[in-house]
C-alpha atoms as a PDB file:
ATOM      1  CA  MET A   1    -105.513  10.141  23.421  1.00  0.00           C
ATOM      2  CA  THR A   2    -107.680  11.700  20.935  1.00  0.00           C
ATOM      3  CA  LEU A   3    -108.300  11.068  17.347  1.00  0.00           C
ATOM      4  CA  LYS A   4    -106.563  14.520  16.614  1.00  0.00           C
ATOM      5  CA  PHE A   5    -103.452  13.609  18.871  1.00  0.00           C
ATOM      6  CA  THR A   6    -103.294   9.986  17.309  1.00  0.00           C
ATOM      7  CA  LEU A   7    -103.254  11.185  13.771  1.00  0.00           C
ATOM      8  CA  ARG A   8    -100.599  13.679  14.457  1.00  0.00           C
ATOM      9  CA  ILE A   9     -98.119  11.102  15.939  1.00  0.00           C
ATOM     10  CA  PHE A  10     -99.297   8.428  12.993  1.00  0.00           C
ATOM     11  CA  VAL A  11     -98.158  11.289  10.554  1.00  0.00           C
ATOM     12  CA  ALA A  12     -95.067  12.032  12.436  1.00  0.00           C
ATOM     13  CA  ILE A  13     -94.250   8.708  12.725  1.00  0.00           C
ATOM     14  CA  ILE A  14     -94.905   8.092   8.756  1.00  0.00           C
ATOM     15  CA  PHE A  15     -92.870  11.069   8.174  1.00  0.00           C
ATOM     16  CA  VAL A  16     -90.043  10.145  10.169  1.00  0.00           C
ATOM     17  CA  MET A  17     -89.759   6.606   8.618  1.00  0.00           C
ATOM     18  CA  THR A  18     -89.946   7.435   5.242  1.00  0.00           C
ATOM     19  CA  VAL A  19     -88.222  10.332   4.291  1.00  0.00           C
ATOM     20  CA  LYS A  20     -84.692   9.430   5.959  1.00  0.00           C
ATOM     21  CA  PRO A  21     -83.805   5.799   7.139  1.00  0.00           C
ATOM     22  CA  THR A  22     -82.701   6.516  10.489  1.00  0.00           C
ATOM     23  CA  PHE A  23     -82.652   5.120  13.787  1.00  0.00           C
ATOM     24  CA  GLY A  24     -80.538   2.126  12.730  1.00  0.00           C
ATOM     25  CA  GLN A  25     -83.103   1.395  10.227  1.00  0.00           C
ATOM     26  CA  ASN A  26     -82.038  -0.615   6.685  1.00  0.00           C
ATOM     27  CA  SER A  27     -82.427   1.300   3.794  1.00  0.00           C
ATOM     28  CA  GLU A  28     -83.908  -1.994   2.257  1.00  0.00           C
ATOM     29  CA  GLN A  29     -86.721  -1.511   5.056  1.00  0.00           C
ATOM     30  CA  SER A  30     -87.400   2.037   3.722  1.00  0.00           C
ATOM     31  CA  GLU A  31     -87.161   1.295   0.212  1.00  0.00           C
ATOM     32  CA  LYS A  32     -89.862  -1.340   0.404  1.00  0.00           C
ATOM     33  CA  VAL A  33     -92.189   1.010   2.651  1.00  0.00           C
ATOM     34  CA  LEU A  34     -91.359   3.569  -0.341  1.00  0.00           C
ATOM     35  CA  ARG A  35     -92.266   1.113  -3.063  1.00  0.00           C
ATOM     36  CA  HIS A  36     -95.845   1.070  -1.666  1.00  0.00           C
ATOM     37  CA  LEU A  37     -96.443   4.800  -2.123  1.00  0.00           C
ATOM     38  CA  THR A  38     -97.098   6.401  -5.247  1.00  0.00           C
ATOM     39  CA  LEU A  39     -94.595   8.697  -6.925  1.00  0.00           C
ATOM     40  CA  ASN A  40     -96.743  11.854  -5.982  1.00  0.00           C
ATOM     41  CA  GLN A  41     -96.646  10.524  -2.290  1.00  0.00           C
ATOM     42  CA  GLN A  42     -93.083  10.105  -2.594  1.00  0.00           C
ATOM     43  CA  LYS A  43     -92.671  13.969  -3.968  1.00  0.00           C
ATOM     44  CA  MET A  44     -94.793  15.009  -1.120  1.00  0.00           C
ATOM     45  CA  LEU A  45     -92.418  13.637   1.242  1.00  0.00           C
ATOM     46  CA  GLU A  46     -89.439  14.897  -0.557  1.00  0.00           C
ATOM     47  CA  GLU A  47     -90.829  18.483  -0.579  1.00  0.00           C
ATOM     48  CA  GLN A  48     -91.880  18.231   3.019  1.00  0.00           C
ATOM     49  CA  GLN A  49     -88.200  17.373   4.123  1.00  0.00           C
ATOM     50  CA  LYS A  50     -86.874  20.136   1.689  1.00  0.00           C
ATOM     51  CA  PHE A  51     -89.247  22.374   3.254  1.00  0.00           C
ATOM     52  CA  ILE A  52     -88.342  21.313   7.097  1.00  0.00           C
ATOM     53  CA  ASP A  53     -84.704  21.852   6.134  1.00  0.00           C
ATOM     54  CA  ILE A  54     -85.078  25.346   4.477  1.00  0.00           C
ATOM     55  CA  SER A  55     -87.219  26.188   7.661  1.00  0.00           C
ATOM     56  CA  LYS A  56     -84.619  25.366   9.807  1.00  0.00           C
ATOM     57  CA  LEU A  57     -81.828  27.132   7.881  1.00  0.00           C
ATOM     58  CA  ASP A  58     -83.966  30.192   7.502  1.00  0.00           C
ATOM     59  CA  PHE A  59     -84.735  30.374  11.395  1.00  0.00           C
ATOM     60  CA  LYS A  60     -81.385  29.748  12.020  1.00  0.00           C
ATOM     61  CA  ASN A  61     -80.279  32.423   9.923  1.00  0.00           C
ATOM     62  CA  SER A  62     -82.622  34.672  11.735  1.00  0.00           C
ATOM     63  CA  LEU A  63     -81.150  34.497  15.114  1.00  0.00           C
ATOM     64  CA  SER A  64     -79.199  37.354  16.655  1.00  0.00           C
ATOM     65  CA  VAL A  65     -75.837  36.803  18.258  1.00  0.00           C
ATOM     66  CA  GLU A  66     -77.240  36.944  21.764  1.00  0.00           C
ATOM     67  CA  GLN A  67     -79.912  34.196  20.707  1.00  0.00           C
ATOM     68  CA  LYS A  68     -77.001  31.929  19.226  1.00  0.00           C
ATOM     69  CA  ASN A  69     -75.021  32.470  22.731  1.00  0.00           C
ATOM     70  CA  ILE A  70     -78.198  31.301  24.480  1.00  0.00           C
ATOM     71  CA  LEU A  71     -78.275  28.065  22.429  1.00  0.00           C
ATOM     72  CA  ARG A  72     -74.600  27.494  22.546  1.00  0.00           C
ATOM     73  CA  ASN A  73     -74.474  28.087  26.761  1.00  0.00           C
ATOM     74  CA  LYS A  74     -73.792  24.387  27.938  1.00  0.00           C
ATOM     75  CA  ASN A  75     -73.956  25.623  31.366  1.00  0.00           C
ATOM     76  CA  ILE A  76     -77.949  25.787  32.039  1.00  0.00           C
ATOM     77  CA  SER A  77     -80.223  23.146  31.406  1.00  0.00           C
ATOM     78  CA  LYS A  78     -82.121  22.639  28.012  1.00  0.00           C
ATOM     79  CA  ASP A  79     -85.490  23.647  29.416  1.00  0.00           C
ATOM     80  CA  GLU A  80     -83.923  27.037  30.475  1.00  0.00           C
ATOM     81  CA  ARG A  81     -82.077  27.601  27.294  1.00  0.00           C
ATOM     82  CA  SER A  82     -85.583  27.020  25.460  1.00  0.00           C
ATOM     83  CA  ARG A  83     -87.426  29.615  27.893  1.00  0.00           C
ATOM     84  CA  LEU A  84     -84.855  32.058  27.747  1.00  0.00           C
ATOM     85  CA  LEU A  85     -84.812  31.626  23.567  1.00  0.00           C
ATOM     86  CA  LYS A  86     -88.465  31.964  23.550  1.00  0.00           C
ATOM     87  CA  THR A  87     -88.641  35.213  25.571  1.00  0.00           C
ATOM     88  CA  SER A  88     -85.877  36.640  23.155  1.00  0.00           C
ATOM     89  CA  LEU A  89     -87.382  36.048  19.947  1.00  0.00           C
ATOM     90  CA  SER A  90     -88.493  38.753  17.780  1.00  0.00           C
ATOM     91  CA  ASN A  91     -92.306  39.115  16.302  1.00  0.00           C
ATOM     92  CA  LYS A  92     -90.943  38.562  12.688  1.00  0.00           C
ATOM     93  CA  GLN A  93     -89.187  35.267  14.093  1.00  0.00           C
ATOM     94  CA  ARG A  94     -92.522  34.218  16.210  1.00  0.00           C
ATOM     95  CA  ASP A  95     -94.248  34.862  12.800  1.00  0.00           C
ATOM     96  CA  LEU A  96     -91.373  32.813  10.722  1.00  0.00           C
ATOM     97  CA  ILE A  97     -92.131  29.781  13.222  1.00  0.00           C
ATOM     98  CA  GLN A  98     -95.871  30.229  13.155  1.00  0.00           C
ATOM     99  CA  SER A  99     -96.005  30.229   9.671  1.00  0.00           C
ATOM    100  CA  ASN A 100     -93.547  27.343   8.959  1.00  0.00           C
ATOM    101  CA  LYS A 101     -95.629  25.199  11.355  1.00  0.00           C
ATOM    102  CA  ASN A 102     -98.781  25.978   9.549  1.00  0.00           C
ATOM    103  CA  LEU A 103     -97.543  25.377   6.111  1.00  0.00           C
ATOM    104  CA  LEU A 104     -95.888  21.974   7.342  1.00  0.00           C
ATOM    105  CA  ARG A 105     -99.331  20.986   9.021  1.00  0.00           C
ATOM    106  CA  ASN A 106    -100.874  21.467   6.027  1.00  0.00           C
ATOM    107  CA  LYS A 107     -98.435  19.190   3.771  1.00  0.00           C
ATOM    108  CA  ARG A 108     -98.459  16.774   6.198  1.00  0.00           C
ATOM    109  CA  LEU A 109    -102.311  16.657   6.120  1.00  0.00           C
ATOM    110  CA  THR A 110    -102.159  16.374   2.625  1.00  0.00           C
ATOM    111  CA  PHE A 111     -99.973  13.520   2.718  1.00  0.00           C
ATOM    112  CA  LYS A 112    -102.077  11.851   5.135  1.00  0.00           C
ATOM    113  CA  ARG A 113    -105.313  12.154   3.043  1.00  0.00           C
ATOM    114  CA  SER A 114    -103.672  10.757   0.149  1.00  0.00           C
ATOM    115  CA  LEU A 115    -102.866   7.264   1.721  1.00  0.00           C
ATOM    116  CA  ASN A 116    -105.645   4.369   1.135  1.00  0.00           C
ATOM    117  CA  ARG A 117    -106.239   2.014   3.633  1.00  0.00           C
ATOM    118  CA  ARG A 118    -103.425  -0.799   2.519  1.00  0.00           C
ATOM    119  CA  GLN A 119    -100.622   1.674   2.665  1.00  0.00           C
ATOM    120  CA  VAL A 120    -101.917   3.132   5.888  1.00  0.00           C
ATOM    121  CA  THR A 121    -101.960  -0.809   6.986  1.00  0.00           C
ATOM    122  CA  ARG A 122     -98.281  -1.334   5.647  1.00  0.00           C
ATOM    123  CA  LEU A 123     -96.833   1.513   6.998  1.00  0.00           C
ATOM    124  CA  ARG A 124     -98.369   0.232  10.502  1.00  0.00           C
ATOM    125  CA  ARG A 125     -96.904  -2.901   9.870  1.00  0.00           C
ATOM    126  CA  PHE A 126     -93.363  -1.551   8.982  1.00  0.00           C
ATOM    127  CA  ILE A 127     -93.067   0.210  12.340  1.00  0.00           C
ATOM    128  CA  ASN A 128     -94.326  -2.447  14.296  1.00  0.00           C
ATOM    129  CA  ASP A 129     -91.852  -5.228  12.483  1.00  0.00           C
ATOM    130  CA  ARG A 130     -88.943  -3.026  13.804  1.00  0.00           C
ATOM    131  CA  ASP A 131     -86.716  -3.819  16.713  1.00  0.00           C
ATOM    132  CA  ILE A 132     -87.747  -2.933  20.346  1.00  0.00           C
ATOM    133  CA  HIS A 133     -84.833  -0.696  20.686  1.00  0.00           C
ATOM    134  CA  ASP A 134     -85.335   1.064  17.376  1.00  0.00           C
ATOM    135  CA  ARG A 135     -88.871   1.636  18.494  1.00  0.00           C
ATOM    136  CA  LYS A 136     -88.310   3.095  21.909  1.00  0.00           C
ATOM    137  CA  ARG A 137     -85.883   5.604  20.229  1.00  0.00           C
ATOM    138  CA  LEU A 138     -88.329   6.148  17.673  1.00  0.00           C
ATOM    139  CA  VAL A 139     -91.270   6.882  20.368  1.00  0.00           C
ATOM    140  CA  ARG A 140     -88.448   9.138  22.416  1.00  0.00           C
ATOM    141  CA  ARG A 141     -87.685  10.919  19.082  1.00  0.00           C
ATOM    142  CA  ILE A 142     -91.941  11.676  18.574  1.00  0.00           C
ATOM    143  CA  ARG A 143     -92.479  12.677  21.945  1.00  0.00           C
ATOM    144  CA  ARG A 144     -90.051  15.232  21.816  1.00  0.00           C
ATOM    145  CA  LEU A 145     -91.167  16.553  18.295  1.00  0.00           C
ATOM    146  CA  ILE A 146     -94.679  16.311  19.957  1.00  0.00           C
ATOM    147  CA  ARG A 147     -93.502  18.391  23.130  1.00  0.00           C
ATOM    148  CA  ASP A 148     -91.615  20.834  21.102  1.00  0.00           C
ATOM    149  CA  ASN A 149     -94.542  21.396  18.803  1.00  0.00           C
ATOM    150  CA  LEU A 150     -96.573  22.042  21.976  1.00  0.00           C
ATOM    151  CA  ASN A 151     -93.929  24.532  23.459  1.00  0.00           C
ATOM    152  CA  THR A 152     -93.610  26.338  20.399  1.00  0.00           C
ATOM    153  CA  ASP A 153     -97.755  26.799  20.317  1.00  0.00           C
ATOM    154  CA  ASN A 154     -97.021  29.233  22.915  1.00  0.00           C
ATOM    155  CA  ILE A 155     -94.649  31.582  21.187  1.00  0.00           C
END
């Protein structure tokens, strides 16, 4: 793997692990990780999460009735739905996706650069101490995020 790809995965892991305690994770564990982040870093993570939520909502609101029907249609595979949706996107929607992706990438990069070595080490330990089942679910989720990210690059 390239360094850039590894960094993307690492940032995605950090983001998923620190913003919302998911995947059966104790809130105590996430609180422990958050204690090692500065207030500024915690605010950055909160801002990222808010930005993601707002971006999703904006995109959902921009969907036409036809596009919503494509997403609701369970008779076709997810890949086919994704392909149909991508072909039906307007230029405005594509620009929205691209600008949101760029802004989020910048926010994540800023967060990653704000971490010191000790914080990186603690975050890695936190991830490695998780149950194997939780790690597998996390890896599957990250792979899906990366796959979706790569698929949206072609839009």
